[in-house]
Amino acid sequence: MRVPDRAREPLRAERAHTPARRGAGRGHRTEPEARSARLPFRRARRQRAAQCGAADRGGWNGDRDVLFLDQRGTWKSDPLLSCPEIDAFLSDWVGLNSLDPATAARSATATGACHDRLAATGADLAAYDTTENAADVADLRTALGIDEWNLYGVSYGTDLCAESADGTSSDAMLAEGRKVLPELPDAVLALAPQAPYIFGDCARWNVPAAPPSVHAPTASDGPVLILDGGLDAVTAPANGELVARLRPAATRVVFPDSAHDVLLSSTPCALTVMRSFLDQPTAPDVRCAVGLTPAPFATG
């Protein structure tokens, strides 16, 4: 996002007010209501913003602002819907068998405990979904008076960006796995071990089902950069291929040396590609990704 030249602070925290729940047909609004969600965001300016981590190291804010948004219910937003019960479960998760029914039961118990505690506070849990989250992003852009900006997200954030911009089969996942690690058995390549019990957790939240619109593929004619990690066991590279099919102006790059977060796993090349995309979104330079290979690791 490019903005008019203004006084340049290293990092500034601001807060936007959005409706807690907009309701069907009401559209986006920026003024607070009786119950509103307050969403903090940090504005990083130029190269002075050393606190910006990967964005600063890659020079993203060399000639543009970078905004970091706390999504509704998270971090410094108000209300904060944190789940220490789930945090406690995740602290033990690394030593658990993700396919053991007992692990799924522990996860569901932690999720249920968090739900019950938050529901007792009167929080409208049904208002914390992708539809409202995406509307928050759109409202923020309007409130800041920005005509166009670039959206960047990782993991769920990519879905949120797609929804805001409007938004895999097991065989496809397996085929992608064989390309990267052909020596591993199919039982391993087809597995997404991080969250096999996520649907059980979803049931414990006891909120209305999302509207059908969130399941509809989003399409866009604008430039989109899709960075896939060849070792991603949560969102397989095949997903990126499916996303690119609905975006004729998309550039898709697969990083065989990366997993779920490409910018963390393949930092020098991924940041180079990202910077090139921001400067020339219709023809980014992706040459550094050619020839990348995963690091060797033991499987026995």
C-alpha atoms as a PDB file:
ATOM      1  CA  MET A   1       0.000   0.000   0.000  1.00  0.00           C
ATOM      2  CA  ARG A   2       1.419   3.382  -0.976  1.00  0.00           C
ATOM      3  CA  VAL A   3       0.279   6.406   1.012  1.00  0.00           C
ATOM      4  CA  PRO A   4       0.833  10.181   0.732  1.00  0.00           C
ATOM      5  CA  ASP A   5       4.043  11.423   2.291  1.00  0.00           C
ATOM      6  CA  ARG A   6       3.493  12.248   5.967  1.00  0.00           C
ATOM      7  CA  ALA A   7       5.602  12.573   9.094  1.00  0.00           C
ATOM      8  CA  ARG A   8       7.321   9.227   9.503  1.00  0.00           C
ATOM      9  CA  GLU A   9       7.197   7.632  12.955  1.00  0.00           C
ATOM     10  CA  PRO A  10       9.015   4.331  13.563  1.00  0.00           C
ATOM     11  CA  LEU A  11       5.878   2.525  14.771  1.00  0.00           C
ATOM     12  CA  ARG A  12       2.502   3.824  15.814  1.00  0.00           C
ATOM     13  CA  ALA A  13      -0.360   1.957  17.477  1.00  0.00           C
ATOM     14  CA  GLU A  14      -3.895   2.935  16.565  1.00  0.00           C
ATOM     15  CA  ARG A  15      -7.357   1.527  17.187  1.00  0.00           C
ATOM     16  CA  ALA A  16     -10.355   1.109  14.898  1.00  0.00           C
ATOM     17  CA  HIS A  17     -13.947   0.601  16.059  1.00  0.00           C
ATOM     18  CA  THR A  18     -16.159  -1.814  14.148  1.00  0.00           C
ATOM     19  CA  PRO A  19     -19.629  -3.258  14.806  1.00  0.00           C
ATOM     20  CA  ALA A  20     -19.554  -6.450  16.835  1.00  0.00           C
ATOM     21  CA  ARG A  21     -22.060  -7.976  14.427  1.00  0.00           C
ATOM     22  CA  ARG A  22     -23.232  -6.345  11.210  1.00  0.00           C
ATOM     23  CA  GLY A  23     -26.145  -8.632  10.355  1.00  0.00           C
ATOM     24  CA  ALA A  24     -27.432  -9.711   6.980  1.00  0.00           C
ATOM     25  CA  GLY A  25     -27.800  -6.958   4.404  1.00  0.00           C
ATOM     26  CA  ARG A  26     -26.374  -4.171   6.559  1.00  0.00           C
ATOM     27  CA  GLY A  27     -23.080  -3.845   4.735  1.00  0.00           C
ATOM     28  CA  HIS A  28     -19.861  -2.419   6.145  1.00  0.00           C
ATOM     29  CA  ARG A  29     -19.973   0.343   8.745  1.00  0.00           C
ATOM     30  CA  THR A  30     -17.137   2.083  10.518  1.00  0.00           C
ATOM     31  CA  GLU A  31     -18.889   3.850  13.367  1.00  0.00           C
ATOM     32  CA  PRO A  32     -19.135   2.058  16.742  1.00  0.00           C
ATOM     33  CA  GLU A  33     -22.425   0.592  17.897  1.00  0.00           C
ATOM     34  CA  ALA A  34     -23.782  -0.308  21.324  1.00  0.00           C
ATOM     35  CA  ARG A  35     -21.474  -3.322  21.267  1.00  0.00           C
ATOM     36  CA  SER A  36     -18.419  -2.782  19.147  1.00  0.00           C
ATOM     37  CA  ALA A  37     -15.133  -4.555  18.589  1.00  0.00           C
ATOM     38  CA  ARG A  38     -12.016  -2.411  18.983  1.00  0.00           C
ATOM     39  CA  LEU A  39      -9.242  -3.557  16.694  1.00  0.00           C
ATOM     40  CA  PRO A  40      -5.697  -2.298  17.259  1.00  0.00           C
ATOM     41  CA  PHE A  41      -3.246  -2.051  14.405  1.00  0.00           C
ATOM     42  CA  ARG A  42       0.365  -0.900  14.201  1.00  0.00           C
ATOM     43  CA  ARG A  43       1.617   1.317  11.411  1.00  0.00           C
ATOM     44  CA  ALA A  44       5.247   0.738  10.452  1.00  0.00           C
ATOM     45  CA  ARG A  45       6.900   3.544   8.512  1.00  0.00           C
ATOM     46  CA  ARG A  46       9.903   3.411   6.217  1.00  0.00           C
ATOM     47  CA  GLN A  47      13.092   1.606   7.179  1.00  0.00           C
ATOM     48  CA  ARG A  48      13.167   3.098  10.669  1.00  0.00           C
ATOM     49  CA  ALA A  49      10.702   0.451  11.870  1.00  0.00           C
ATOM     50  CA  ALA A  50      13.138  -2.155  13.145  1.00  0.00           C
ATOM     51  CA  GLN A  51      10.327  -3.748  15.161  1.00  0.00           C
ATOM     52  CA  CYS A  52       8.651  -4.942  11.984  1.00  0.00           C
ATOM     53  CA  GLY A  53      10.525  -8.243  11.793  1.00  0.00           C
ATOM     54  CA  ALA A  54      10.397  -9.951   8.414  1.00  0.00           C
ATOM     55  CA  ALA A  55       8.603  -7.010   6.798  1.00  0.00           C
ATOM     56  CA  ASP A  56      11.437  -4.670   7.750  1.00  0.00           C
ATOM     57  CA  ARG A  57      14.218  -7.151   6.891  1.00  0.00           C
ATOM     58  CA  GLY A  58      12.702  -7.544   3.435  1.00  0.00           C
ATOM     59  CA  GLY A  59      12.446  -3.802   2.961  1.00  0.00           C
ATOM     60  CA  TRP A  60       8.691  -3.893   2.452  1.00  0.00           C
ATOM     61  CA  ASN A  61       8.307  -0.583   4.231  1.00  0.00           C
ATOM     62  CA  GLY A  62      11.088   1.126   2.302  1.00  0.00           C
ATOM     63  CA  ASP A  63       8.605   3.227   0.343  1.00  0.00           C
ATOM     64  CA  ARG A  64       5.240   2.215   1.766  1.00  0.00           C
ATOM     65  CA  ASP A  65       3.404   1.775   5.063  1.00  0.00           C
ATOM     66  CA  VAL A  66       2.900  -1.682   6.564  1.00  0.00           C
ATOM     67  CA  LEU A  67      -0.122  -2.230   8.817  1.00  0.00           C
ATOM     68  CA  PHE A  68      -0.286  -5.110  11.303  1.00  0.00           C
ATOM     69  CA  LEU A  69      -3.870  -5.824  12.322  1.00  0.00           C
ATOM     70  CA  ASP A  70      -4.966  -7.689  15.457  1.00  0.00           C
ATOM     71  CA  GLN A  71      -8.002  -9.630  14.269  1.00  0.00           C
ATOM     72  CA  ARG A  72     -11.144  -9.427  16.359  1.00  0.00           C
ATOM     73  CA  GLY A  73     -10.838 -11.380  19.590  1.00  0.00           C
ATOM     74  CA  THR A  74      -7.033 -11.644  19.433  1.00  0.00           C
ATOM     75  CA  TRP A  75      -4.005 -10.096  21.109  1.00  0.00           C
ATOM     76  CA  LYS A  76      -4.804  -6.457  21.961  1.00  0.00           C
ATOM     77  CA  SER A  77      -8.294  -6.292  20.471  1.00  0.00           C
ATOM     78  CA  ASP A  78     -11.224  -5.628  22.765  1.00  0.00           C
ATOM     79  CA  PRO A  79     -12.798  -7.844  23.833  1.00  0.00           C
ATOM     80  CA  LEU A  80      -9.914 -10.310  23.977  1.00  0.00           C
ATOM     81  CA  LEU A  81     -11.172 -13.890  23.654  1.00  0.00           C
ATOM     82  CA  SER A  82      -8.064 -15.780  24.711  1.00  0.00           C
ATOM     83  CA  CYS A  83      -8.086 -19.500  25.476  1.00  0.00           C
ATOM     84  CA  PRO A  84      -5.523 -20.420  28.147  1.00  0.00           C
ATOM     85  CA  GLU A  85      -7.223 -23.819  28.318  1.00  0.00           C
ATOM     86  CA  ILE A  86      -6.222 -24.541  24.736  1.00  0.00           C
ATOM     87  CA  ASP A  87      -2.769 -23.044  25.309  1.00  0.00           C
ATOM     88  CA  ALA A  88      -2.231 -25.518  28.152  1.00  0.00           C
ATOM     89  CA  PHE A  89      -3.239 -28.408  25.888  1.00  0.00           C
ATOM     90  CA  LEU A  90      -0.926 -27.224  23.111  1.00  0.00           C
ATOM     91  CA  SER A  91       2.001 -27.030  25.535  1.00  0.00           C
ATOM     92  CA  ASP A  92       1.707 -30.821  25.901  1.00  0.00           C
ATOM     93  CA  TRP A  93       0.740 -31.440  22.298  1.00  0.00           C
ATOM     94  CA  VAL A  94       4.253 -31.996  20.950  1.00  0.00           C
ATOM     95  CA  GLY A  95       4.609 -35.137  23.049  1.00  0.00           C
ATOM     96  CA  LEU A  96       1.205 -36.584  22.148  1.00  0.00           C
ATOM     97  CA  ASN A  97       0.104 -38.950  19.393  1.00  0.00           C
ATOM     98  CA  SER A  98      -2.101 -36.829  17.145  1.00  0.00           C
ATOM     99  CA  LEU A  99      -3.954 -39.928  15.901  1.00  0.00           C
ATOM    100  CA  ASP A 100      -4.767 -41.200  19.406  1.00  0.00           C
ATOM    101  CA  PRO A 101      -8.479 -40.709  20.247  1.00  0.00           C
ATOM    102  CA  ALA A 102      -7.359 -39.650  23.726  1.00  0.00           C
ATOM    103  CA  THR A 103      -5.555 -36.669  22.173  1.00  0.00           C
ATOM    104  CA  ALA A 104      -8.694 -35.636  20.324  1.00  0.00           C
ATOM    105  CA  ALA A 105     -10.671 -35.958  23.560  1.00  0.00           C
ATOM    106  CA  ARG A 106      -8.199 -33.726  25.415  1.00  0.00           C
ATOM    107  CA  SER A 107      -8.396 -31.126  22.671  1.00  0.00           C
ATOM    108  CA  ALA A 108     -12.189 -31.170  22.696  1.00  0.00           C
ATOM    109  CA  THR A 109     -12.237 -30.862  26.495  1.00  0.00           C
ATOM    110  CA  ALA A 110      -9.918 -27.847  26.401  1.00  0.00           C
ATOM    111  CA  THR A 111     -11.993 -26.237  23.653  1.00  0.00           C
ATOM    112  CA  GLY A 112     -15.217 -26.870  25.548  1.00  0.00           C
ATOM    113  CA  ALA A 113     -13.794 -25.356  28.730  1.00  0.00           C
ATOM    114  CA  CYS A 114     -12.756 -22.219  26.858  1.00  0.00           C
ATOM    115  CA  HIS A 115     -16.159 -21.967  25.194  1.00  0.00           C
ATOM    116  CA  ASP A 116     -18.034 -22.280  28.473  1.00  0.00           C
ATOM    117  CA  ARG A 117     -15.895 -19.658  30.196  1.00  0.00           C
ATOM    118  CA  LEU A 118     -16.201 -17.124  27.353  1.00  0.00           C
ATOM    119  CA  ALA A 119     -19.915 -17.753  26.903  1.00  0.00           C
ATOM    120  CA  ALA A 120     -20.419 -17.027  30.607  1.00  0.00           C
ATOM    121  CA  THR A 121     -18.961 -13.538  30.070  1.00  0.00           C
ATOM    122  CA  GLY A 122     -21.735 -12.713  27.614  1.00  0.00           C
ATOM    123  CA  ALA A 123     -19.427 -12.589  24.593  1.00  0.00           C
ATOM    124  CA  ASP A 124     -21.267 -13.045  21.298  1.00  0.00           C
ATOM    125  CA  LEU A 125     -19.129 -15.916  20.055  1.00  0.00           C
ATOM    126  CA  ALA A 126     -21.111 -16.234  16.825  1.00  0.00           C
ATOM    127  CA  ALA A 127     -19.821 -12.788  15.798  1.00  0.00           C
ATOM    128  CA  TYR A 128     -16.223 -14.044  15.564  1.00  0.00           C
ATOM    129  CA  ASP A 129     -16.218 -15.627  12.136  1.00  0.00           C
ATOM    130  CA  THR A 130     -14.532 -15.070   8.794  1.00  0.00           C
ATOM    131  CA  THR A 131     -17.414 -13.021   7.386  1.00  0.00           C
ATOM    132  CA  GLU A 132     -17.225 -10.413  10.151  1.00  0.00           C
ATOM    133  CA  ASN A 133     -13.427 -10.620  10.213  1.00  0.00           C
ATOM    134  CA  ALA A 134     -13.208  -9.834   6.498  1.00  0.00           C
ATOM    135  CA  ALA A 135     -15.663  -6.961   6.907  1.00  0.00           C
ATOM    136  CA  ASP A 136     -13.371  -5.547   9.615  1.00  0.00           C
ATOM    137  CA  VAL A 137     -10.493  -5.521   7.132  1.00  0.00           C
ATOM    138  CA  ALA A 138     -12.619  -3.736   4.538  1.00  0.00           C
ATOM    139  CA  ASP A 139     -13.852  -1.219   7.118  1.00  0.00           C
ATOM    140  CA  LEU A 140     -10.290  -0.478   8.214  1.00  0.00           C
ATOM    141  CA  ARG A 141      -9.249   0.380   4.672  1.00  0.00           C
ATOM    142  CA  THR A 142     -12.272   2.681   4.326  1.00  0.00           C
ATOM    143  CA  ALA A 143     -11.668   4.347   7.683  1.00  0.00           C
ATOM    144  CA  LEU A 144      -8.053   5.085   6.722  1.00  0.00           C
ATOM    145  CA  GLY A 145      -9.110   6.588   3.398  1.00  0.00           C
ATOM    146  CA  ILE A 146      -7.041   4.113   1.362  1.00  0.00           C
ATOM    147  CA  ASP A 147      -8.263   3.343  -2.154  1.00  0.00           C
ATOM    148  CA  GLU A 148      -6.033   0.305  -2.756  1.00  0.00           C
ATOM    149  CA  TRP A 149      -3.685  -1.817  -0.687  1.00  0.00           C
ATOM    150  CA  ASN A 150      -1.838  -5.126  -0.751  1.00  0.00           C
ATOM    151  CA  LEU A 151      -3.103  -7.854   1.581  1.00  0.00           C
ATOM    152  CA  TYR A 152      -0.701 -10.413   3.023  1.00  0.00           C
ATOM    153  CA  GLY A 153      -1.652 -13.443   5.097  1.00  0.00           C
ATOM    154  CA  VAL A 154      -0.246 -16.769   6.282  1.00  0.00           C
ATOM    155  CA  SER A 155      -2.281 -19.915   6.918  1.00  0.00           C
ATOM    156  CA  TYR A 156      -5.820 -18.827   7.870  1.00  0.00           C
ATOM    157  CA  GLY A 157      -4.766 -15.306   6.969  1.00  0.00           C
ATOM    158  CA  THR A 158      -4.697 -16.267   3.291  1.00  0.00           C
ATOM    159  CA  ASP A 159      -8.344 -17.307   3.477  1.00  0.00           C
ATOM    160  CA  LEU A 160      -9.164 -14.056   5.241  1.00  0.00           C
ATOM    161  CA  CYS A 161      -7.351 -12.063   2.546  1.00  0.00           C
ATOM    162  CA  ALA A 162      -9.239 -13.893  -0.201  1.00  0.00           C
ATOM    163  CA  GLU A 163     -12.550 -13.255   1.543  1.00  0.00           C
ATOM    164  CA  SER A 164     -11.615  -9.608   2.077  1.00  0.00           C
ATOM    165  CA  ALA A 165     -10.595  -9.165  -1.554  1.00  0.00           C
ATOM    166  CA  ASP A 166     -13.919 -10.335  -2.960  1.00  0.00           C
ATOM    167  CA  GLY A 167     -11.718 -14.962  -0.565  1.00  0.00           C
ATOM    168  CA  THR A 168      -7.794 -30.306  -1.787  1.00  0.00           C
ATOM    169  CA  SER A 169      -8.376 -33.646  -2.445  1.00  0.00           C
ATOM    170  CA  SER A 170      -6.361 -36.398  -0.672  1.00  0.00           C
ATOM    171  CA  ASP A 171      -5.087 -37.669  -4.046  1.00  0.00           C
ATOM    172  CA  ALA A 172      -3.741 -34.224  -4.925  1.00  0.00           C
ATOM    173  CA  MET A 173      -2.054 -33.884  -1.520  1.00  0.00           C
ATOM    174  CA  LEU A 174      -0.439 -37.296  -1.942  1.00  0.00           C
ATOM    175  CA  ALA A 175       0.849 -36.471  -5.425  1.00  0.00           C
ATOM    176  CA  GLU A 176       2.475 -33.274  -4.175  1.00  0.00           C
ATOM    177  CA  GLY A 177       4.066 -35.156  -1.296  1.00  0.00           C
ATOM    178  CA  ARG A 178       5.627 -37.736  -3.612  1.00  0.00           C
ATOM    179  CA  LYS A 179       7.259 -34.972  -5.676  1.00  0.00           C
ATOM    180  CA  VAL A 180       9.089 -33.561  -2.677  1.00  0.00           C
ATOM    181  CA  LEU A 181       9.810 -36.672  -0.588  1.00  0.00           C
ATOM    182  CA  PRO A 182       9.381 -39.729  -2.807  1.00  0.00           C
ATOM    183  CA  GLU A 183      11.110 -41.997  -0.288  1.00  0.00           C
ATOM    184  CA  LEU A 184       8.384 -41.614   2.339  1.00  0.00           C
ATOM    185  CA  PRO A 185       5.437 -44.064   2.428  1.00  0.00           C
ATOM    186  CA  ASP A 186       2.006 -42.940   1.258  1.00  0.00           C
ATOM    187  CA  ALA A 187       0.638 -43.263   4.806  1.00  0.00           C
ATOM    188  CA  VAL A 188       2.976 -40.458   5.861  1.00  0.00           C
ATOM    189  CA  LEU A 189       2.652 -38.282   2.775  1.00  0.00           C
ATOM    190  CA  ALA A 190      -1.154 -38.245   2.913  1.00  0.00           C
ATOM    191  CA  LEU A 191      -1.269 -37.264   6.588  1.00  0.00           C
ATOM    192  CA  ALA A 192      -1.859 -33.795   7.991  1.00  0.00           C
ATOM    193  CA  PRO A 193      -0.887 -34.674  11.573  1.00  0.00           C
ATOM    194  CA  GLN A 194      -1.208 -31.203  13.082  1.00  0.00           C
ATOM    195  CA  ALA A 195      -4.987 -31.096  13.350  1.00  0.00           C
ATOM    196  CA  PRO A 196      -6.814 -34.336  12.491  1.00  0.00           C
ATOM    197  CA  TYR A 197      -9.399 -33.633  15.199  1.00  0.00           C
ATOM    198  CA  ILE A 198     -10.218 -30.012  14.329  1.00  0.00           C
ATOM    199  CA  PHE A 199     -13.820 -30.765  13.362  1.00  0.00           C
ATOM    200  CA  GLY A 200     -14.455 -32.229  16.784  1.00  0.00           C
ATOM    201  CA  ASP A 201     -13.164 -29.002  18.312  1.00  0.00           C
ATOM    202  CA  CYS A 202     -15.421 -26.949  16.043  1.00  0.00           C
ATOM    203  CA  ALA A 203     -18.469 -28.783  17.348  1.00  0.00           C
ATOM    204  CA  ARG A 204     -17.630 -27.741  20.901  1.00  0.00           C
ATOM    205  CA  TRP A 205     -17.917 -24.047  20.034  1.00  0.00           C
ATOM    206  CA  ASN A 206     -21.661 -24.469  19.538  1.00  0.00           C
ATOM    207  CA  VAL A 207     -22.108 -21.464  17.245  1.00  0.00           C
ATOM    208  CA  PRO A 208     -24.309 -21.193  14.127  1.00  0.00           C
ATOM    209  CA  ALA A 209     -22.920 -22.605  10.925  1.00  0.00           C
ATOM    210  CA  ALA A 210     -21.111 -20.181   8.655  1.00  0.00           C
ATOM    211  CA  PRO A 211     -23.147 -18.855   5.721  1.00  0.00           C
ATOM    212  CA  PRO A 212     -22.835 -20.776   2.439  1.00  0.00           C
ATOM    213  CA  SER A 213     -20.921 -17.845   0.939  1.00  0.00           C
ATOM    214  CA  VAL A 214     -17.759 -18.728   2.889  1.00  0.00           C
ATOM    215  CA  HIS A 215     -17.587 -22.066   1.069  1.00  0.00           C
ATOM    216  CA  ALA A 216     -17.823 -20.489  -2.370  1.00  0.00           C
ATOM    217  CA  PRO A 217     -14.441 -20.068  -4.097  1.00  0.00           C
ATOM    218  CA  THR A 218     -13.389 -16.453  -4.388  1.00  0.00           C
ATOM    219  CA  ALA A 219     -12.191 -15.129  -7.729  1.00  0.00           C
ATOM    220  CA  SER A 220     -10.226 -12.042  -8.662  1.00  0.00           C
ATOM    221  CA  ASP A 221      -8.797 -10.431 -11.773  1.00  0.00           C
ATOM    222  CA  GLY A 222      -6.217  -8.509  -9.740  1.00  0.00           C
ATOM    223  CA  PRO A 223      -2.602  -9.615  -9.280  1.00  0.00           C
ATOM    224  CA  VAL A 224      -2.113 -12.244  -6.566  1.00  0.00           C
ATOM    225  CA  LEU A 225       1.090 -13.835  -5.307  1.00  0.00           C
ATOM    226  CA  ILE A 226       0.708 -17.411  -4.010  1.00  0.00           C
ATOM    227  CA  LEU A 227       3.654 -18.823  -2.042  1.00  0.00           C
ATOM    228  CA  ASP A 228       3.414 -22.573  -1.385  1.00  0.00           C
ATOM    229  CA  GLY A 229       5.644 -24.627   0.884  1.00  0.00           C
ATOM    230  CA  GLY A 230       6.433 -28.025  -0.608  1.00  0.00           C
ATOM    231  CA  LEU A 231       6.693 -29.512   2.899  1.00  0.00           C
ATOM    232  CA  ASP A 232       3.451 -27.968   4.163  1.00  0.00           C
ATOM    233  CA  ALA A 233       1.489 -30.688   5.958  1.00  0.00           C
ATOM    234  CA  VAL A 234      -1.432 -28.424   6.885  1.00  0.00           C
ATOM    235  CA  THR A 235      -2.301 -26.605   3.660  1.00  0.00           C
ATOM    236  CA  ALA A 236      -0.797 -28.770   0.920  1.00  0.00           C
ATOM    237  CA  PRO A 237       0.695 -27.155  -2.204  1.00  0.00           C
ATOM    238  CA  ALA A 238      -2.206 -28.557  -4.208  1.00  0.00           C
ATOM    239  CA  ASN A 239      -4.397 -25.977  -2.478  1.00  0.00           C
ATOM    240  CA  GLY A 240      -2.342 -23.194  -4.005  1.00  0.00           C
ATOM    241  CA  GLU A 241      -2.904 -24.664  -7.452  1.00  0.00           C
ATOM    242  CA  LEU A 242      -6.654 -24.661  -6.880  1.00  0.00           C
ATOM    243  CA  VAL A 243      -6.562 -21.026  -5.734  1.00  0.00           C
ATOM    244  CA  ALA A 244      -4.539 -19.963  -8.771  1.00  0.00           C
ATOM    245  CA  ARG A 245      -7.080 -21.451 -11.187  1.00  0.00           C
ATOM    246  CA  LEU A 246      -9.628 -18.784 -10.236  1.00  0.00           C
ATOM    247  CA  ARG A 247      -7.139 -15.935 -10.488  1.00  0.00           C
ATOM    248  CA  PRO A 248      -5.882 -15.435 -14.046  1.00  0.00           C
ATOM    249  CA  ALA A 249      -3.380 -12.785 -12.930  1.00  0.00           C
ATOM    250  CA  ALA A 250      -1.913 -14.932 -10.143  1.00  0.00           C
ATOM    251  CA  THR A 251       1.767 -15.810  -9.820  1.00  0.00           C
ATOM    252  CA  ARG A 252       2.305 -19.091  -7.953  1.00  0.00           C
ATOM    253  CA  VAL A 253       5.691 -20.114  -6.566  1.00  0.00           C
ATOM    254  CA  VAL A 254       6.362 -23.442  -4.833  1.00  0.00           C
ATOM    255  CA  PHE A 255       9.266 -23.509  -2.369  1.00  0.00           C
ATOM    256  CA  PRO A 256      10.335 -27.157  -1.934  1.00  0.00           C
ATOM    257  CA  ASP A 257      12.518 -26.193   1.046  1.00  0.00           C
ATOM    258  CA  SER A 258       9.635 -24.643   3.007  1.00  0.00           C
ATOM    259  CA  ALA A 259       6.746 -25.778   5.154  1.00  0.00           C
ATOM    260  CA  HIS A 260       3.689 -23.874   6.384  1.00  0.00           C
ATOM    261  CA  ASP A 261       5.176 -20.363   6.541  1.00  0.00           C
ATOM    262  CA  VAL A 262       7.314 -19.800   3.475  1.00  0.00           C
ATOM    263  CA  LEU A 263       8.721 -16.458   4.635  1.00  0.00           C
ATOM    264  CA  LEU A 264      10.136 -18.118   7.737  1.00  0.00           C
ATOM    265  CA  SER A 265      11.424 -21.265   6.019  1.00  0.00           C
ATOM    266  CA  SER A 266      12.854 -19.830   2.799  1.00  0.00           C
ATOM    267  CA  THR A 267      13.460 -16.291   3.977  1.00  0.00           C
ATOM    268  CA  PRO A 268      16.034 -14.826   1.511  1.00  0.00           C
ATOM    269  CA  CYS A 269      14.340 -16.044  -1.655  1.00  0.00           C
ATOM    270  CA  ALA A 270      10.764 -15.636  -0.432  1.00  0.00           C
ATOM    271  CA  LEU A 271      11.390 -12.051   0.636  1.00  0.00           C
ATOM    272  CA  THR A 272      13.035 -11.316  -2.703  1.00  0.00           C
ATOM    273  CA  VAL A 273       9.977 -12.648  -4.521  1.00  0.00           C
ATOM    274  CA  MET A 274       7.628 -10.701  -2.257  1.00  0.00           C
ATOM    275  CA  ARG A 275       9.484  -7.422  -2.761  1.00  0.00           C
ATOM    276  CA  SER A 276       9.517  -7.959  -6.514  1.00  0.00           C
ATOM    277  CA  PHE A 277       5.773  -8.599  -6.505  1.00  0.00           C
ATOM    278  CA  LEU A 278       5.089  -5.400  -4.588  1.00  0.00           C
ATOM    279  CA  ASP A 279       7.157  -3.417  -7.100  1.00  0.00           C
ATOM    280  CA  GLN A 280       5.881  -5.150 -10.247  1.00  0.00           C
ATOM    281  CA  PRO A 281       2.823  -7.242  -9.360  1.00  0.00           C
ATOM    282  CA  THR A 282       2.103  -8.387 -12.903  1.00  0.00           C
ATOM    283  CA  ALA A 283       5.609  -9.774 -13.531  1.00  0.00           C
ATOM    284  CA  PRO A 284       7.527 -10.493 -10.307  1.00  0.00           C
ATOM    285  CA  ASP A 285      11.038 -11.945 -10.455  1.00  0.00           C
ATOM    286  CA  VAL A 286      10.844 -15.528  -9.141  1.00  0.00           C
ATOM    287  CA  ARG A 287      14.157 -16.834 -10.483  1.00  0.00           C
ATOM    288  CA  CYS A 288      15.655 -17.405  -7.037  1.00  0.00           C
ATOM    289  CA  ALA A 289      13.137 -20.219  -6.412  1.00  0.00           C
ATOM    290  CA  VAL A 290      14.415 -22.287  -9.321  1.00  0.00           C
ATOM    291  CA  GLY A 291      16.583 -25.152  -8.120  1.00  0.00           C
ATOM    292  CA  LEU A 292      15.671 -24.924  -4.419  1.00  0.00           C
ATOM    293  CA  THR A 293      15.634 -28.307  -2.683  1.00  0.00           C
ATOM    294  CA  PRO A 294      14.616 -29.450   0.794  1.00  0.00           C
ATOM    295  CA  ALA A 295      17.366 -29.956   3.338  1.00  0.00           C
ATOM    296  CA  PRO A 296      18.241 -33.617   3.962  1.00  0.00           C
ATOM    297  CA  PHE A 297      16.818 -35.101   7.139  1.00  0.00           C
ATOM    298  CA  ALA A 298      16.603 -38.568   8.671  1.00  0.00           C
ATOM    299  CA  THR A 299      13.368 -40.536   8.317  1.00  0.00           C
ATOM    300  CA  GLY A 300      14.312 -43.701  10.158  1.00  0.00           C
END
